[in-house]
């Protein structure tokens, strides 16, 4: 489970803007600190411009957890995973969000805004934030992910 000691960092492209705004509102109502890395409207934009700043903050320990949203979730996920200590997971249901945390110690969740409804997106984020890494046999596997 993530604590509220460090802020959550969030970003989206134009396809995820409305979901991002609603998720920020939900998180702030739960007393989370949230840093919004954009975009700030629905004008067409490029997802790496928002995925990299979110991933940089997680990669450098300035945020323990990130949330990225784009149309399919794939673009932001692929971009974020270019950062050495980022483990970004594309999740379109609560079970995947839970497993991403339990087994993979994911630290960024990627949401496909064009394929799930907003209520489900909020539930997925809540599940991700409230699930602990299981450790154990998974610790060994997670340790093998980085290319040093």
C-alpha atoms as a PDB file:
ATOM      1  CA  UNK A   1       0.000   0.000   0.000  1.00  0.00           C
ATOM      2  CA  UNK A   2       1.259   3.454  -0.809  1.00  0.00           C
ATOM      3  CA  UNK A   3       1.370   6.046   1.951  1.00  0.00           C
ATOM      4  CA  UNK A   4       0.492   9.708   1.733  1.00  0.00           C
ATOM      5  CA  UNK A   5       4.030  10.799   2.661  1.00  0.00           C
ATOM      6  CA  UNK A   6       4.948  11.408  -0.972  1.00  0.00           C
ATOM      7  CA  UNK A   7       2.630  12.904  -3.583  1.00  0.00           C
ATOM      8  CA  UNK A   8       0.958  10.978  -6.351  1.00  0.00           C
ATOM      9  CA  UNK A   9       2.065  12.221  -9.767  1.00  0.00           C
ATOM     10  CA  UNK A  10      -0.415  12.038 -12.631  1.00  0.00           C
ATOM     11  CA  UNK A  11      -0.393  12.812 -16.335  1.00  0.00           C
ATOM     12  CA  UNK A  12      -2.394  12.205 -19.467  1.00  0.00           C
ATOM     13  CA  UNK A  13      -2.678  13.111 -23.093  1.00  0.00           C
ATOM     14  CA  UNK A  14      -5.828  14.657 -24.567  1.00  0.00           C
ATOM     15  CA  UNK A  15      -7.672  11.303 -24.611  1.00  0.00           C
ATOM     16  CA  UNK A  16      -7.201  10.912 -20.873  1.00  0.00           C
ATOM     17  CA  UNK A  17      -7.728  14.515 -19.803  1.00  0.00           C
ATOM     18  CA  UNK A  18     -11.297  14.147 -18.503  1.00  0.00           C
ATOM     19  CA  UNK A  19     -10.476  10.959 -16.575  1.00  0.00           C
ATOM     20  CA  UNK A  20      -7.372  12.620 -15.134  1.00  0.00           C
ATOM     21  CA  UNK A  21      -9.387  15.575 -13.851  1.00  0.00           C
ATOM     22  CA  UNK A  22     -11.941  13.271 -12.203  1.00  0.00           C
ATOM     23  CA  UNK A  23      -9.267  11.034 -10.663  1.00  0.00           C
ATOM     24  CA  UNK A  24      -7.420  14.057  -9.267  1.00  0.00           C
ATOM     25  CA  UNK A  25     -10.669  15.233  -7.672  1.00  0.00           C
ATOM     26  CA  UNK A  26     -11.229  11.776  -6.144  1.00  0.00           C
ATOM     27  CA  UNK A  27      -7.672  11.587  -4.787  1.00  0.00           C
ATOM     28  CA  UNK A  28      -7.733  15.079  -3.305  1.00  0.00           C
ATOM     29  CA  UNK A  29     -11.029  14.250  -1.568  1.00  0.00           C
ATOM     30  CA  UNK A  30      -9.141  11.346   0.039  1.00  0.00           C
ATOM     31  CA  UNK A  31      -6.405  13.749   1.256  1.00  0.00           C
ATOM     32  CA  UNK A  32      -3.746  12.658  -1.240  1.00  0.00           C
ATOM     33  CA  UNK A  33      -1.260  15.248  -2.457  1.00  0.00           C
ATOM     34  CA  UNK A  34      -1.384  15.216  -6.254  1.00  0.00           C
ATOM     35  CA  UNK A  35       1.062  16.689  -8.741  1.00  0.00           C
ATOM     36  CA  UNK A  36      -0.491  17.161 -12.195  1.00  0.00           C
ATOM     37  CA  UNK A  37       2.020  16.987 -15.050  1.00  0.00           C
ATOM     38  CA  UNK A  38      -0.581  17.768 -17.727  1.00  0.00           C
ATOM     39  CA  UNK A  39      -2.108  17.940 -20.238  1.00  0.00           C
ATOM     40  CA  UNK A  40      -4.533  20.635 -19.168  1.00  0.00           C
ATOM     41  CA  UNK A  41      -7.160  20.441 -21.936  1.00  0.00           C
ATOM     42  CA  UNK A  42      -8.483  18.195 -24.697  1.00  0.00           C
ATOM     43  CA  UNK A  43      -6.368  19.671 -27.510  1.00  0.00           C
ATOM     44  CA  UNK A  44      -4.454  16.962 -29.382  1.00  0.00           C
ATOM     45  CA  UNK A  45      -1.041  16.351 -27.846  1.00  0.00           C
ATOM     46  CA  UNK A  46       1.736  13.751 -27.608  1.00  0.00           C
ATOM     47  CA  UNK A  47       1.581  11.280 -24.696  1.00  0.00           C
ATOM     48  CA  UNK A  48       5.398  11.064 -24.145  1.00  0.00           C
ATOM     49  CA  UNK A  49       5.354  14.762 -23.186  1.00  0.00           C
ATOM     50  CA  UNK A  50       3.395  13.760 -20.058  1.00  0.00           C
ATOM     51  CA  UNK A  51       4.536  10.178 -19.473  1.00  0.00           C
ATOM     52  CA  UNK A  52       8.213  11.113 -19.154  1.00  0.00           C
ATOM     53  CA  UNK A  53       7.731  13.766 -16.425  1.00  0.00           C
ATOM     54  CA  UNK A  54       5.542  11.374 -14.409  1.00  0.00           C
ATOM     55  CA  UNK A  55       8.044   8.535 -14.822  1.00  0.00           C
ATOM     56  CA  UNK A  56      10.964  10.852 -13.956  1.00  0.00           C
ATOM     57  CA  UNK A  57       9.382  11.709 -10.615  1.00  0.00           C
ATOM     58  CA  UNK A  58       8.782   8.039  -9.746  1.00  0.00           C
ATOM     59  CA  UNK A  59      12.186   6.978 -11.063  1.00  0.00           C
ATOM     60  CA  UNK A  60      13.940   9.598  -8.927  1.00  0.00           C
ATOM     61  CA  UNK A  61      11.982   8.889  -5.743  1.00  0.00           C
ATOM     62  CA  UNK A  62      10.113  12.203  -5.734  1.00  0.00           C
ATOM     63  CA  UNK A  63       6.845  10.294  -5.894  1.00  0.00           C
ATOM     64  CA  UNK A  64       6.205   6.707  -4.838  1.00  0.00           C
ATOM     65  CA  UNK A  65       3.409   6.203  -7.342  1.00  0.00           C
ATOM     66  CA  UNK A  66       2.269   7.545 -10.697  1.00  0.00           C
ATOM     67  CA  UNK A  67      -0.911   7.431 -12.730  1.00  0.00           C
ATOM     68  CA  UNK A  68      -0.868   7.760 -16.521  1.00  0.00           C
ATOM     69  CA  UNK A  69      -3.868   7.875 -18.827  1.00  0.00           C
ATOM     70  CA  UNK A  70      -4.152   7.832 -22.605  1.00  0.00           C
ATOM     71  CA  UNK A  71      -6.574   6.366 -25.118  1.00  0.00           C
ATOM     72  CA  UNK A  72      -5.286   2.784 -25.065  1.00  0.00           C
ATOM     73  CA  UNK A  73      -2.935   3.054 -22.098  1.00  0.00           C
ATOM     74  CA  UNK A  74      -0.228   1.449 -24.224  1.00  0.00           C
ATOM     75  CA  UNK A  75       1.635   4.585 -25.294  1.00  0.00           C
ATOM     76  CA  UNK A  76       2.077   5.972 -21.795  1.00  0.00           C
ATOM     77  CA  UNK A  77       2.961   2.520 -20.455  1.00  0.00           C
ATOM     78  CA  UNK A  78       5.652   1.892 -23.064  1.00  0.00           C
ATOM     79  CA  UNK A  79       7.092   5.358 -22.527  1.00  0.00           C
ATOM     80  CA  UNK A  80       7.155   5.139 -18.729  1.00  0.00           C
ATOM     81  CA  UNK A  81       8.840   1.744 -18.789  1.00  0.00           C
ATOM     82  CA  UNK A  82      11.864   3.259 -20.540  1.00  0.00           C
ATOM     83  CA  UNK A  83      12.874   4.647 -17.118  1.00  0.00           C
ATOM     84  CA  UNK A  84      15.118   2.269 -15.191  1.00  0.00           C
ATOM     85  CA  UNK A  85      13.270   2.002 -11.881  1.00  0.00           C
ATOM     86  CA  UNK A  86       9.735   2.352 -13.222  1.00  0.00           C
ATOM     87  CA  UNK A  87       7.420  -0.616 -13.326  1.00  0.00           C
ATOM     88  CA  UNK A  88       4.386   0.667 -15.224  1.00  0.00           C
ATOM     89  CA  UNK A  89       1.395  -1.620 -15.670  1.00  0.00           C
ATOM     90  CA  UNK A  90      -1.479  -1.319 -18.119  1.00  0.00           C
ATOM     91  CA  UNK A  91      -4.646  -2.161 -16.165  1.00  0.00           C
ATOM     92  CA  UNK A  92      -8.209  -2.330 -17.450  1.00  0.00           C
ATOM     93  CA  UNK A  93      -9.788  -4.126 -14.487  1.00  0.00           C
ATOM     94  CA  UNK A  94      -9.321  -4.345 -10.731  1.00  0.00           C
ATOM     95  CA  UNK A  95      -7.767  -7.808 -10.804  1.00  0.00           C
ATOM     96  CA  UNK A  96      -4.951  -6.632 -13.075  1.00  0.00           C
ATOM     97  CA  UNK A  97      -4.370  -3.608 -10.838  1.00  0.00           C
ATOM     98  CA  UNK A  98      -4.166  -5.846  -7.794  1.00  0.00           C
ATOM     99  CA  UNK A  99      -1.809  -8.333  -9.467  1.00  0.00           C
ATOM    100  CA  UNK A 100       0.400  -5.529 -10.792  1.00  0.00           C
ATOM    101  CA  UNK A 101       1.010  -4.505  -7.192  1.00  0.00           C
ATOM    102  CA  UNK A 102       0.998  -7.960  -5.545  1.00  0.00           C
ATOM    103  CA  UNK A 103       3.322  -9.711  -7.989  1.00  0.00           C
ATOM    104  CA  UNK A 104       5.171  -6.995  -9.918  1.00  0.00           C
ATOM    105  CA  UNK A 105       5.472  -4.167  -7.374  1.00  0.00           C
ATOM    106  CA  UNK A 106       4.230  -1.788 -10.081  1.00  0.00           C
ATOM    107  CA  UNK A 107       4.743   1.866  -9.235  1.00  0.00           C
ATOM    108  CA  UNK A 108       2.831   3.448 -12.127  1.00  0.00           C
ATOM    109  CA  UNK A 109      -0.625   2.445 -13.275  1.00  0.00           C
ATOM    110  CA  UNK A 110      -1.656   3.103 -16.866  1.00  0.00           C
ATOM    111  CA  UNK A 111      -5.340   3.486 -17.676  1.00  0.00           C
ATOM    112  CA  UNK A 112      -6.944   3.031 -21.148  1.00  0.00           C
ATOM    113  CA  UNK A 113      -9.549   5.828 -21.150  1.00  0.00           C
ATOM    114  CA  UNK A 114     -11.158   4.815 -24.440  1.00  0.00           C
ATOM    115  CA  UNK A 115     -11.841   1.254 -23.273  1.00  0.00           C
ATOM    116  CA  UNK A 116     -13.208   1.538 -19.723  1.00  0.00           C
ATOM    117  CA  UNK A 117     -15.727   3.822 -18.070  1.00  0.00           C
ATOM    118  CA  UNK A 118     -14.757   6.447 -15.524  1.00  0.00           C
ATOM    119  CA  UNK A 119     -16.225   4.646 -12.506  1.00  0.00           C
ATOM    120  CA  UNK A 120     -14.163   1.564 -13.304  1.00  0.00           C
ATOM    121  CA  UNK A 121     -11.047   3.713 -13.805  1.00  0.00           C
ATOM    122  CA  UNK A 122     -11.525   5.162 -10.317  1.00  0.00           C
ATOM    123  CA  UNK A 123     -11.991   1.686  -8.821  1.00  0.00           C
ATOM    124  CA  UNK A 124      -8.851   0.470 -10.572  1.00  0.00           C
ATOM    125  CA  UNK A 125      -6.827   3.383  -9.169  1.00  0.00           C
ATOM    126  CA  UNK A 126      -8.200   2.762  -5.659  1.00  0.00           C
ATOM    127  CA  UNK A 127      -7.315  -0.934  -5.858  1.00  0.00           C
ATOM    128  CA  UNK A 128      -3.815  -0.137  -7.114  1.00  0.00           C
ATOM    129  CA  UNK A 129      -3.173   2.357  -4.323  1.00  0.00           C
ATOM    130  CA  UNK A 130      -4.463   0.093  -1.557  1.00  0.00           C
ATOM    131  CA  UNK A 131      -2.671  -3.119  -2.555  1.00  0.00           C
ATOM    132  CA  UNK A 132       0.683  -4.103  -1.037  1.00  0.00           C
ATOM    133  CA  UNK A 133       3.518  -5.873  -2.802  1.00  0.00           C
ATOM    134  CA  UNK A 134       3.554  -9.528  -1.717  1.00  0.00           C
ATOM    135  CA  UNK A 135       7.329  -9.897  -1.818  1.00  0.00           C
ATOM    136  CA  UNK A 136       8.573 -13.441  -1.308  1.00  0.00           C
ATOM    137  CA  UNK A 137       9.173 -15.286  -4.573  1.00  0.00           C
ATOM    138  CA  UNK A 138       8.073 -12.156  -6.461  1.00  0.00           C
ATOM    139  CA  UNK A 139      10.929 -10.099  -4.971  1.00  0.00           C
ATOM    140  CA  UNK A 140      13.474 -12.189  -6.890  1.00  0.00           C
ATOM    141  CA  UNK A 141      11.590 -11.713 -10.149  1.00  0.00           C
ATOM    142  CA  UNK A 142      11.132  -7.972  -9.727  1.00  0.00           C
ATOM    143  CA  UNK A 143      14.863  -7.625  -8.991  1.00  0.00           C
ATOM    144  CA  UNK A 144      15.602  -9.101 -12.444  1.00  0.00           C
ATOM    145  CA  UNK A 145      13.569  -6.487 -14.349  1.00  0.00           C
ATOM    146  CA  UNK A 146      16.124  -3.658 -14.575  1.00  0.00           C
ATOM    147  CA  UNK A 147      18.837  -3.690 -17.234  1.00  0.00           C
ATOM    148  CA  UNK A 148      21.910  -2.258 -15.525  1.00  0.00           C
END
